[in-house]
N, C-alpha and C. Protein backbone atom coordinates (compact mmCIF):
# COMPACT_ATOMS: atom_id res chain seq x y z
N MET A 1 16.39 6.19 -4.84
CA MET A 1 15.23 5.93 -4.14
C MET A 1 14.11 7.07 -4.22
N SER A 2 12.97 6.18 -4.78
CA SER A 2 11.78 7.09 -4.86
C SER A 2 11.62 8.10 -3.89
N ASP A 3 10.81 9.04 -4.27
CA ASP A 3 10.35 9.98 -2.96
C ASP A 3 9.33 9.18 -1.95
N ILE A 4 9.64 9.42 -0.83
CA ILE A 4 8.82 8.51 -0.02
C ILE A 4 7.54 9.15 0.40
N GLN A 5 6.43 8.39 0.50
CA GLN A 5 5.11 8.99 0.84
C GLN A 5 4.84 8.22 2.31
N ARG A 6 3.74 8.90 2.79
CA ARG A 6 3.25 8.63 4.10
C ARG A 6 1.78 8.64 4.02
N GLY A 7 1.13 7.62 4.60
CA GLY A 7 -0.41 7.71 4.47
C GLY A 7 -1.00 6.37 5.49
N VAL A 8 -2.36 6.41 5.30
CA VAL A 8 -3.11 5.64 5.95
C VAL A 8 -3.83 4.94 4.88
N ILE A 9 -3.84 3.65 5.18
CA ILE A 9 -4.66 2.78 4.00
C ILE A 9 -6.29 2.74 4.25
N GLU A 10 -6.94 3.13 3.32
CA GLU A 10 -8.42 3.24 3.72
C GLU A 10 -9.14 2.09 2.55
N GLY A 11 -8.53 1.60 1.94
CA GLY A 11 -9.17 0.64 0.80
C GLY A 11 -8.19 0.19 -0.12
N PHE A 12 -8.87 -0.83 -0.70
CA PHE A 12 -8.18 -1.36 -2.17
C PHE A 12 -9.38 -1.51 -3.09
N GLN A 13 -9.04 -1.04 -4.57
CA GLN A 13 -10.20 -1.24 -5.59
C GLN A 13 -9.52 -2.09 -6.78
N GLY A 14 -10.03 -2.76 -7.36
CA GLY A 14 -9.57 -3.61 -8.56
C GLY A 14 -10.67 -4.73 -8.70
N THR A 15 -10.38 -5.44 -9.72
CA THR A 15 -11.51 -6.92 -10.09
C THR A 15 -10.17 -7.77 -10.32
N TRP A 16 -10.68 -8.86 -10.06
CA TRP A 16 -10.03 -10.21 -9.99
C TRP A 16 -9.34 -10.37 -11.44
N GLY A 17 -8.20 -10.47 -11.61
CA GLY A 17 -7.68 -10.55 -13.07
C GLY A 17 -7.75 -9.47 -13.65
N SER A 18 -7.81 -8.27 -13.35
CA SER A 18 -7.73 -7.04 -14.26
C SER A 18 -6.16 -6.72 -14.49
N GLY A 19 -5.39 -6.91 -13.55
CA GLY A 19 -4.18 -6.60 -13.64
C GLY A 19 -3.79 -5.37 -12.66
N LEU A 20 -4.72 -4.28 -12.99
CA LEU A 20 -4.49 -2.86 -12.39
C LEU A 20 -5.52 -2.78 -11.02
N GLY A 21 -4.91 -2.49 -10.11
CA GLY A 21 -5.76 -2.10 -8.98
C GLY A 21 -5.31 -0.74 -8.27
N PHE A 22 -5.92 -0.12 -7.47
CA PHE A 22 -5.68 0.96 -6.61
C PHE A 22 -5.73 0.91 -5.22
N LEU A 23 -4.77 0.99 -4.50
CA LEU A 23 -4.48 1.19 -3.24
C LEU A 23 -4.92 2.46 -2.73
N VAL A 24 -5.74 2.85 -1.94
CA VAL A 24 -6.47 3.80 -1.57
C VAL A 24 -5.72 4.31 -0.33
N VAL A 25 -4.89 5.38 -0.11
CA VAL A 25 -3.92 5.71 0.78
C VAL A 25 -4.20 7.41 1.22
N SER A 26 -4.85 7.40 2.21
CA SER A 26 -5.11 8.74 2.67
C SER A 26 -6.22 9.42 1.48
N GLY A 27 -7.16 9.18 0.99
CA GLY A 27 -7.97 9.47 0.21
C GLY A 27 -7.44 9.42 -1.47
N VAL A 28 -6.31 9.11 -1.63
CA VAL A 28 -5.65 8.85 -3.13
C VAL A 28 -5.59 7.68 -3.65
N PRO A 29 -6.14 7.43 -4.65
CA PRO A 29 -6.25 5.91 -5.02
C PRO A 29 -4.69 5.98 -5.93
N VAL A 30 -3.91 5.02 -5.41
CA VAL A 30 -2.50 4.88 -6.19
C VAL A 30 -2.34 3.68 -6.71
N PRO A 31 -2.25 3.57 -8.07
CA PRO A 31 -2.29 2.69 -9.09
C PRO A 31 -1.18 1.61 -8.46
N CYS A 32 -1.58 0.37 -8.74
CA CYS A 32 -0.60 -0.78 -8.32
C CYS A 32 -1.00 -2.11 -9.36
N ASP A 33 -0.16 -2.89 -9.14
CA ASP A 33 -0.32 -4.39 -9.88
C ASP A 33 -1.18 -5.08 -8.72
N ASN A 34 -2.46 -5.24 -9.39
CA ASN A 34 -3.42 -5.75 -8.57
C ASN A 34 -3.19 -7.18 -7.65
N GLY A 35 -2.54 -8.24 -8.44
CA GLY A 35 -2.47 -9.47 -7.45
C GLY A 35 -1.20 -9.33 -6.51
N SER A 36 -0.19 -8.84 -7.19
CA SER A 36 0.73 -8.86 -6.18
C SER A 36 0.58 -7.99 -5.03
N THR A 37 -0.25 -6.64 -5.07
CA THR A 37 -0.36 -5.88 -4.09
C THR A 37 -1.30 -6.60 -3.02
N VAL A 38 -2.37 -7.18 -3.65
CA VAL A 38 -3.35 -7.85 -2.69
C VAL A 38 -2.65 -8.90 -1.61
N ARG A 39 -1.53 -9.83 -2.60
CA ARG A 39 -0.65 -10.78 -1.60
C ARG A 39 0.02 -10.24 -0.65
N ALA A 40 0.65 -8.96 -1.18
CA ALA A 40 1.59 -8.22 -0.22
C ALA A 40 0.84 -7.72 1.09
N LEU A 41 -0.40 -7.09 0.81
CA LEU A 41 -1.07 -6.77 1.82
C LEU A 41 -1.74 -8.01 2.88
N GLU A 42 -2.04 -9.02 2.20
CA GLU A 42 -2.09 -10.22 2.94
C GLU A 42 -1.11 -10.89 3.72
N GLY A 43 -0.27 -10.73 3.09
CA GLY A 43 1.00 -11.17 3.89
C GLY A 43 1.38 -10.54 5.13
N CYS A 44 1.26 -9.38 4.99
CA CYS A 44 1.95 -8.12 5.81
C CYS A 44 0.73 -7.87 6.83
N PHE A 45 -0.65 -7.72 6.50
CA PHE A 45 -1.36 -7.56 7.57
C PHE A 45 -2.36 -8.68 7.96
N GLY A 46 -2.76 -9.64 7.07
CA GLY A 46 -3.68 -10.55 7.27
C GLY A 46 -4.99 -10.12 7.14
N ASP A 47 -5.70 -11.15 6.93
CA ASP A 47 -7.33 -10.97 6.82
C ASP A 47 -7.84 -9.83 5.85
N VAL A 48 -6.94 -9.88 4.88
CA VAL A 48 -7.06 -9.01 3.55
C VAL A 48 -8.27 -9.60 2.57
N ILE A 49 -7.98 -10.82 2.30
CA ILE A 49 -8.51 -11.51 1.26
C ILE A 49 -9.77 -12.13 1.61
N GLY A 50 -11.12 -11.83 1.25
CA GLY A 50 -12.18 -12.14 1.60
C GLY A 50 -12.84 -13.56 0.64
N PRO A 51 -14.28 -13.69 0.77
CA PRO A 51 -14.91 -14.54 0.00
C PRO A 51 -14.81 -14.40 -1.57
N ALA A 52 -14.47 -15.34 -2.28
CA ALA A 52 -14.47 -15.08 -3.89
C ALA A 52 -13.35 -14.34 -3.97
N HIS A 53 -12.19 -14.57 -3.42
CA HIS A 53 -10.97 -13.63 -3.76
C HIS A 53 -11.23 -12.22 -3.92
N SER A 54 -12.04 -11.53 -3.06
CA SER A 54 -12.26 -10.18 -3.05
C SER A 54 -11.39 -9.56 -1.84
N VAL A 55 -11.23 -8.33 -1.77
CA VAL A 55 -10.59 -7.80 -0.67
C VAL A 55 -11.65 -7.23 0.12
N ASP A 56 -11.72 -7.42 1.52
CA ASP A 56 -12.43 -6.93 2.53
C ASP A 56 -11.81 -5.62 2.96
N ASN A 57 -12.75 -4.79 2.53
CA ASN A 57 -12.54 -3.24 2.63
C ASN A 57 -13.24 -2.90 3.97
N VAL A 58 -13.81 -3.48 4.48
CA VAL A 58 -14.57 -2.98 5.96
C VAL A 58 -13.81 -3.75 7.11
N ASN A 59 -13.43 -4.75 7.19
CA ASN A 59 -12.80 -5.38 8.29
C ASN A 59 -11.24 -6.01 7.77
N GLY A 60 -11.04 -5.76 6.77
CA GLY A 60 -9.35 -6.21 6.36
C GLY A 60 -8.54 -5.81 7.36
N GLY A 61 -7.37 -6.66 7.51
CA GLY A 61 -6.43 -6.31 8.19
C GLY A 61 -5.73 -5.11 8.03
N HIS A 62 -5.61 -4.69 6.41
CA HIS A 62 -4.89 -3.70 5.87
C HIS A 62 -5.79 -2.13 6.11
N ILE A 63 -6.79 -2.05 6.53
CA ILE A 63 -7.57 -0.74 6.83
C ILE A 63 -7.25 -0.18 8.17
N GLY A 64 -6.78 1.17 7.91
CA GLY A 64 -6.62 1.89 8.83
C GLY A 64 -4.96 2.05 9.15
N LYS A 65 -4.12 0.86 8.70
CA LYS A 65 -2.71 0.97 8.75
C LYS A 65 -2.04 2.11 8.12
N GLU A 66 -1.02 2.75 8.75
CA GLU A 66 -0.08 3.43 8.42
C GLU A 66 1.14 2.97 7.76
N ILE A 67 1.40 3.36 6.41
CA ILE A 67 2.63 2.98 5.65
C ILE A 67 3.16 4.14 4.96
N PHE A 68 4.53 3.75 4.99
CA PHE A 68 5.70 4.67 4.03
C PHE A 68 5.33 3.72 2.53
N TYR A 69 5.42 4.55 1.42
CA TYR A 69 5.19 3.84 0.22
C TYR A 69 5.99 4.77 -0.95
N SER A 70 6.42 4.15 -1.86
CA SER A 70 6.96 5.12 -2.79
C SER A 70 6.62 4.46 -4.36
N LEU A 71 6.78 5.25 -5.36
CA LEU A 71 6.02 4.98 -6.78
C LEU A 71 7.29 4.49 -7.54
N ASP A 72 7.21 3.92 -8.69
CA ASP A 72 8.03 3.66 -9.86
C ASP A 72 9.00 4.88 -10.24
N ASP A 73 9.69 4.46 -10.98
CA ASP A 73 10.77 5.67 -11.33
C ASP A 73 10.09 6.77 -12.00
N MET A 74 8.94 6.51 -12.79
CA MET A 74 7.95 7.30 -13.50
C MET A 74 6.80 7.87 -12.75
N GLY A 75 6.74 7.67 -11.35
CA GLY A 75 5.79 8.07 -10.44
C GLY A 75 4.52 7.94 -10.79
N MET A 76 4.21 6.56 -11.25
CA MET A 76 3.13 6.24 -11.61
C MET A 76 2.48 5.11 -11.17
N ILE A 77 3.19 4.20 -10.64
CA ILE A 77 2.86 2.73 -10.15
C ILE A 77 3.24 2.37 -8.89
N LEU A 78 2.90 2.05 -7.82
CA LEU A 78 3.19 1.67 -6.46
C LEU A 78 4.41 0.72 -6.35
N GLU A 79 5.56 1.01 -6.13
CA GLU A 79 6.55 0.21 -6.02
C GLU A 79 6.82 -0.51 -4.93
N ALA A 80 6.55 -0.13 -3.85
CA ALA A 80 6.83 -0.53 -2.46
C ALA A 80 6.03 0.04 -1.12
N PHE A 81 5.53 -0.75 -0.30
CA PHE A 81 5.28 -0.21 1.00
C PHE A 81 5.83 -0.89 2.26
N THR A 82 5.61 -0.05 3.17
CA THR A 82 6.14 -0.63 4.64
C THR A 82 5.53 -0.13 5.55
N PRO A 83 4.94 -0.90 6.51
CA PRO A 83 4.01 -0.44 7.65
C PRO A 83 5.12 0.46 8.34
N VAL A 84 4.66 1.53 8.95
CA VAL A 84 5.31 2.78 9.62
C VAL A 84 5.78 1.96 10.91
N ASP A 85 5.10 1.09 11.56
CA ASP A 85 5.50 0.57 12.73
C ASP A 85 6.58 -0.64 12.69
N GLU A 86 6.84 -1.00 11.33
CA GLU A 86 7.84 -1.88 11.00
C GLU A 86 9.07 -1.39 10.20
N ALA A 87 8.90 -0.08 10.04
CA ALA A 87 10.05 0.58 9.21
C ALA A 87 11.60 0.62 9.86
N PRO A 88 12.72 0.33 9.17
CA PRO A 88 13.91 0.42 9.65
C PRO A 88 14.50 1.70 9.75
N PRO A 89 15.31 1.91 10.67
CA PRO A 89 15.93 3.18 11.09
C PRO A 89 16.21 3.86 9.63
N GLU A 90 16.67 3.42 8.73
CA GLU A 90 17.26 4.09 7.49
C GLU A 90 15.84 4.71 6.59
N LEU A 91 14.72 3.82 6.70
CA LEU A 91 13.73 4.44 6.15
C LEU A 91 13.08 5.54 6.81
N MET A 92 13.22 5.54 8.32
CA MET A 92 12.52 6.59 9.01
C MET A 92 13.39 7.83 8.56
N GLU A 93 14.76 7.77 8.75
CA GLU A 93 15.59 8.91 8.54
C GLU A 93 15.28 9.60 7.13
N ALA A 94 15.24 8.46 6.10
CA ALA A 94 15.06 9.16 4.66
C ALA A 94 13.85 9.79 4.72
N TRP A 95 12.54 9.24 5.47
CA TRP A 95 11.12 10.10 5.52
C TRP A 95 11.46 11.44 6.15
N GLU A 96 12.20 11.43 7.41
CA GLU A 96 12.38 12.59 7.96
C GLU A 96 13.24 13.83 7.21
N LYS A 97 14.24 13.32 6.45
CA LYS A 97 14.95 14.17 5.63
C LYS A 97 14.26 14.66 4.47
N SER A 98 13.22 13.77 3.88
CA SER A 98 12.36 14.41 2.78
C SER A 98 11.53 15.32 3.12
N GLN A 99 11.13 15.50 4.77
CA GLN A 99 10.23 16.59 5.05
C GLN A 99 10.76 18.05 5.33
N VAL A 100 11.92 18.02 5.36
CA VAL A 100 12.49 19.55 5.32
C VAL A 100 12.32 20.48 3.89
């Protein structure tokens, strides 16, 4: 398992069809796959996608949500995220162990 990070989603940056986006978590722009990340955010939180396939970074359902997330094996691209309030016990335990 990759190192587990924890933070609050502040926004998403990317352009339609660009392939690469950035999920801004606690002030850090985390590189990610644009389309699949937006779809995952929409599926998880709702009200993320606004008019003209844009991400609503003002009133979107993802803003202010606390998540656990990990990067790929090279530590460069978002691998996965889980809302903290939906994290299974195993993820909470792994996070706690990583903090010592």
